N, C-alpha and C. Protein backbone atom coordinates (compact mmCIF):
# COMPACT_ATOMS: atom_id res chain seq x y z
N MET A 1 52.92 40.04 -49.49
CA MET A 1 52.16 40.72 -48.47
C MET A 1 51.78 39.74 -47.36
N THR A 2 51.83 40.19 -46.15
CA THR A 2 51.53 39.34 -45.00
C THR A 2 50.04 39.01 -44.93
N LYS A 3 49.74 37.86 -44.38
CA LYS A 3 48.36 37.40 -44.25
C LYS A 3 47.57 38.26 -43.27
N TYR A 4 48.21 38.66 -42.17
CA TYR A 4 47.56 39.48 -41.14
C TYR A 4 48.35 40.77 -40.98
N ARG A 5 47.62 41.87 -40.85
CA ARG A 5 48.26 43.18 -40.71
C ARG A 5 47.89 43.84 -39.39
N ARG A 6 48.72 44.79 -38.98
CA ARG A 6 48.48 45.56 -37.76
C ARG A 6 47.06 46.13 -37.80
N GLY A 7 46.33 45.95 -36.70
CA GLY A 7 44.96 46.44 -36.60
C GLY A 7 43.91 45.42 -36.95
N ASP A 8 44.30 44.34 -37.64
CA ASP A 8 43.36 43.25 -37.91
C ASP A 8 42.97 42.60 -36.59
N HIS A 9 41.89 41.85 -36.62
CA HIS A 9 41.46 41.07 -35.45
C HIS A 9 41.35 39.62 -35.87
N VAL A 10 41.85 38.73 -35.01
CA VAL A 10 41.73 37.30 -35.24
C VAL A 10 41.03 36.67 -34.04
N LYS A 11 40.14 35.73 -34.32
CA LYS A 11 39.43 35.02 -33.25
C LYS A 11 40.17 33.72 -32.98
N VAL A 12 40.43 33.48 -31.69
CA VAL A 12 41.21 32.32 -31.28
C VAL A 12 40.47 31.61 -30.15
N GLU A 13 40.53 30.28 -30.15
CA GLU A 13 39.91 29.50 -29.07
C GLU A 13 40.95 29.29 -27.96
N PHE A 14 40.52 29.53 -26.73
CA PHE A 14 41.36 29.32 -25.56
C PHE A 14 40.66 28.32 -24.65
N ALA A 15 41.43 27.40 -24.08
CA ALA A 15 40.87 26.41 -23.16
C ALA A 15 41.45 26.64 -21.77
N ASP A 16 40.58 26.57 -20.76
CA ASP A 16 41.02 26.65 -19.38
C ASP A 16 41.61 25.30 -19.00
N GLU A 17 42.85 25.29 -18.56
CA GLU A 17 43.55 24.03 -18.27
C GLU A 17 42.92 23.26 -17.12
N CYS A 18 42.38 23.95 -16.14
CA CYS A 18 41.79 23.27 -14.98
C CYS A 18 40.42 22.69 -15.29
N SER A 19 39.54 23.51 -15.83
CA SER A 19 38.15 23.08 -16.05
C SER A 19 37.93 22.44 -17.42
N GLY A 20 38.80 22.74 -18.37
CA GLY A 20 38.61 22.24 -19.73
C GLY A 20 37.62 23.05 -20.54
N GLN A 21 37.01 24.07 -19.91
CA GLN A 21 36.07 24.93 -20.64
C GLN A 21 36.80 25.74 -21.69
N ARG A 22 36.09 26.04 -22.76
CA ARG A 22 36.67 26.79 -23.88
C ARG A 22 35.91 28.08 -24.10
N GLU A 23 36.65 29.08 -24.59
CA GLU A 23 35.99 30.31 -25.02
C GLU A 23 36.77 30.90 -26.19
N TRP A 24 36.06 31.64 -27.00
CA TRP A 24 36.63 32.24 -28.20
C TRP A 24 36.78 33.73 -27.95
N MET A 25 37.99 34.24 -28.21
CA MET A 25 38.26 35.65 -27.95
C MET A 25 38.99 36.27 -29.13
N TRP A 26 38.86 37.58 -29.23
CA TRP A 26 39.51 38.34 -30.29
C TRP A 26 40.87 38.84 -29.84
N VAL A 27 41.83 38.77 -30.75
CA VAL A 27 43.18 39.29 -30.53
C VAL A 27 43.41 40.36 -31.59
N GLU A 28 43.81 41.57 -31.16
CA GLU A 28 44.15 42.63 -32.11
C GLU A 28 45.60 42.45 -32.54
N VAL A 29 45.81 42.35 -33.83
CA VAL A 29 47.14 42.05 -34.38
C VAL A 29 48.07 43.26 -34.26
N GLU A 30 49.25 43.01 -33.71
CA GLU A 30 50.34 43.99 -33.70
C GLU A 30 51.23 43.75 -34.93
N TYR A 31 51.60 42.49 -35.12
CA TYR A 31 52.35 42.10 -36.32
C TYR A 31 52.26 40.59 -36.49
N ALA A 32 52.61 40.12 -37.67
CA ALA A 32 52.57 38.69 -37.97
C ALA A 32 53.88 38.27 -38.61
N ASP A 33 54.30 37.08 -38.30
CA ASP A 33 55.50 36.48 -38.89
C ASP A 33 55.03 35.35 -39.79
N ASP A 34 54.96 35.62 -41.09
CA ASP A 34 54.47 34.62 -42.04
C ASP A 34 55.37 33.40 -42.10
N GLU A 35 56.67 33.60 -41.97
CA GLU A 35 57.60 32.48 -42.03
C GLU A 35 57.40 31.51 -40.87
N GLN A 36 57.23 32.05 -39.67
CA GLN A 36 57.04 31.23 -38.47
C GLN A 36 55.56 30.90 -38.23
N GLN A 37 54.67 31.51 -39.04
CA GLN A 37 53.22 31.28 -38.92
C GLN A 37 52.70 31.67 -37.54
N LEU A 38 53.13 32.87 -37.08
CA LEU A 38 52.72 33.38 -35.77
C LEU A 38 52.11 34.77 -35.90
N VAL A 39 51.09 35.01 -35.08
CA VAL A 39 50.47 36.33 -34.96
C VAL A 39 50.78 36.84 -33.56
N PHE A 40 51.24 38.07 -33.45
CA PHE A 40 51.51 38.70 -32.16
C PHE A 40 50.51 39.82 -31.98
N GLY A 41 49.91 39.89 -30.80
CA GLY A 41 48.93 40.95 -30.58
C GLY A 41 48.47 41.00 -29.15
N LYS A 42 47.37 41.73 -28.93
CA LYS A 42 46.82 41.93 -27.59
C LYS A 42 45.38 41.43 -27.54
N LEU A 43 45.05 40.79 -26.43
CA LEU A 43 43.70 40.30 -26.22
C LEU A 43 42.75 41.49 -26.22
N ASP A 44 41.68 41.39 -27.03
CA ASP A 44 40.81 42.54 -27.22
C ASP A 44 39.43 42.38 -26.58
N ASN A 45 39.24 41.38 -25.73
CA ASN A 45 38.02 41.30 -24.94
C ASN A 45 38.33 40.68 -23.58
N GLU A 46 37.43 40.93 -22.64
CA GLU A 46 37.62 40.45 -21.27
C GLU A 46 37.22 38.98 -21.18
N PRO A 47 38.13 38.11 -20.78
CA PRO A 47 37.80 36.68 -20.66
C PRO A 47 36.79 36.43 -19.53
N ILE A 48 35.96 35.44 -19.74
CA ILE A 48 34.99 35.02 -18.72
C ILE A 48 35.43 33.71 -18.08
N VAL A 49 35.86 32.77 -18.90
CA VAL A 49 36.25 31.44 -18.43
C VAL A 49 37.72 31.40 -18.02
N ASN A 50 38.58 31.96 -18.85
CA ASN A 50 40.04 31.91 -18.63
C ASN A 50 40.49 33.09 -17.76
N THR A 51 40.35 32.92 -16.47
CA THR A 51 40.65 34.02 -15.55
C THR A 51 42.14 34.31 -15.41
N ASP A 52 42.99 33.46 -15.98
CA ASP A 52 44.43 33.74 -15.95
C ASP A 52 44.83 34.69 -17.08
N LEU A 53 43.89 35.02 -17.97
CA LEU A 53 44.10 36.01 -19.04
C LEU A 53 43.37 37.29 -18.69
N ASN A 54 43.79 38.40 -19.28
CA ASN A 54 43.09 39.66 -19.06
C ASN A 54 43.14 40.53 -20.31
N LEU A 55 42.22 41.45 -20.39
CA LEU A 55 42.13 42.39 -21.51
C LEU A 55 43.48 43.08 -21.71
N GLY A 56 43.97 43.12 -22.93
CA GLY A 56 45.22 43.80 -23.24
C GLY A 56 46.46 42.95 -23.11
N ARG A 57 46.31 41.72 -22.65
CA ARG A 57 47.48 40.84 -22.49
C ARG A 57 48.12 40.56 -23.84
N GLU A 58 49.43 40.65 -23.90
CA GLU A 58 50.16 40.38 -25.13
C GLU A 58 50.28 38.87 -25.32
N LEU A 59 49.97 38.45 -26.56
CA LEU A 59 49.95 37.02 -26.87
C LEU A 59 50.62 36.75 -28.20
N ALA A 60 51.03 35.51 -28.38
CA ALA A 60 51.46 35.00 -29.69
C ALA A 60 50.61 33.78 -29.95
N VAL A 61 50.00 33.71 -31.14
CA VAL A 61 49.17 32.56 -31.51
C VAL A 61 49.58 32.08 -32.89
N THR A 62 49.41 30.80 -33.13
CA THR A 62 49.76 30.23 -34.42
C THR A 62 48.67 30.51 -35.44
N PHE A 63 49.06 30.61 -36.69
CA PHE A 63 48.09 30.80 -37.77
C PHE A 63 47.03 29.71 -37.73
N SER A 64 47.43 28.49 -37.42
CA SER A 64 46.50 27.36 -37.43
C SER A 64 45.44 27.45 -36.34
N SER A 65 45.66 28.27 -35.31
CA SER A 65 44.67 28.41 -34.23
C SER A 65 43.67 29.53 -34.50
N VAL A 66 43.85 30.26 -35.59
CA VAL A 66 42.94 31.36 -35.94
C VAL A 66 41.66 30.79 -36.54
N LEU A 67 40.51 31.11 -35.90
CA LEU A 67 39.21 30.61 -36.36
C LEU A 67 38.51 31.60 -37.28
N ASP A 68 38.81 32.88 -37.12
CA ASP A 68 38.17 33.92 -37.92
C ASP A 68 39.13 35.09 -38.02
N HIS A 69 38.97 35.89 -39.06
CA HIS A 69 39.85 37.03 -39.32
C HIS A 69 39.01 38.19 -39.82
N ARG A 70 39.17 39.37 -39.20
CA ARG A 70 38.44 40.57 -39.62
C ARG A 70 39.40 41.70 -39.84
N ARG A 71 39.18 42.42 -40.92
CA ARG A 71 39.95 43.62 -41.22
C ARG A 71 38.95 44.76 -41.29
N PHE A 72 39.08 45.73 -40.40
CA PHE A 72 38.13 46.83 -40.33
C PHE A 72 38.61 48.04 -41.12
């Protein structure tokens, strides 16, 4: 069974490349690739610091970058 399933939420830290500021945001999981250790999903909150990201943006993040995991 996969570690992350569709509909799960994972919290990931993002850093703004220009300012170096960091913020933690939730990504809603679409699917996960356990072999490659990647989670694919959509950003589930509006960024404040990272203005180059937006709500609903499709992302891929590594398992190692996941700070928290919620299954509702």
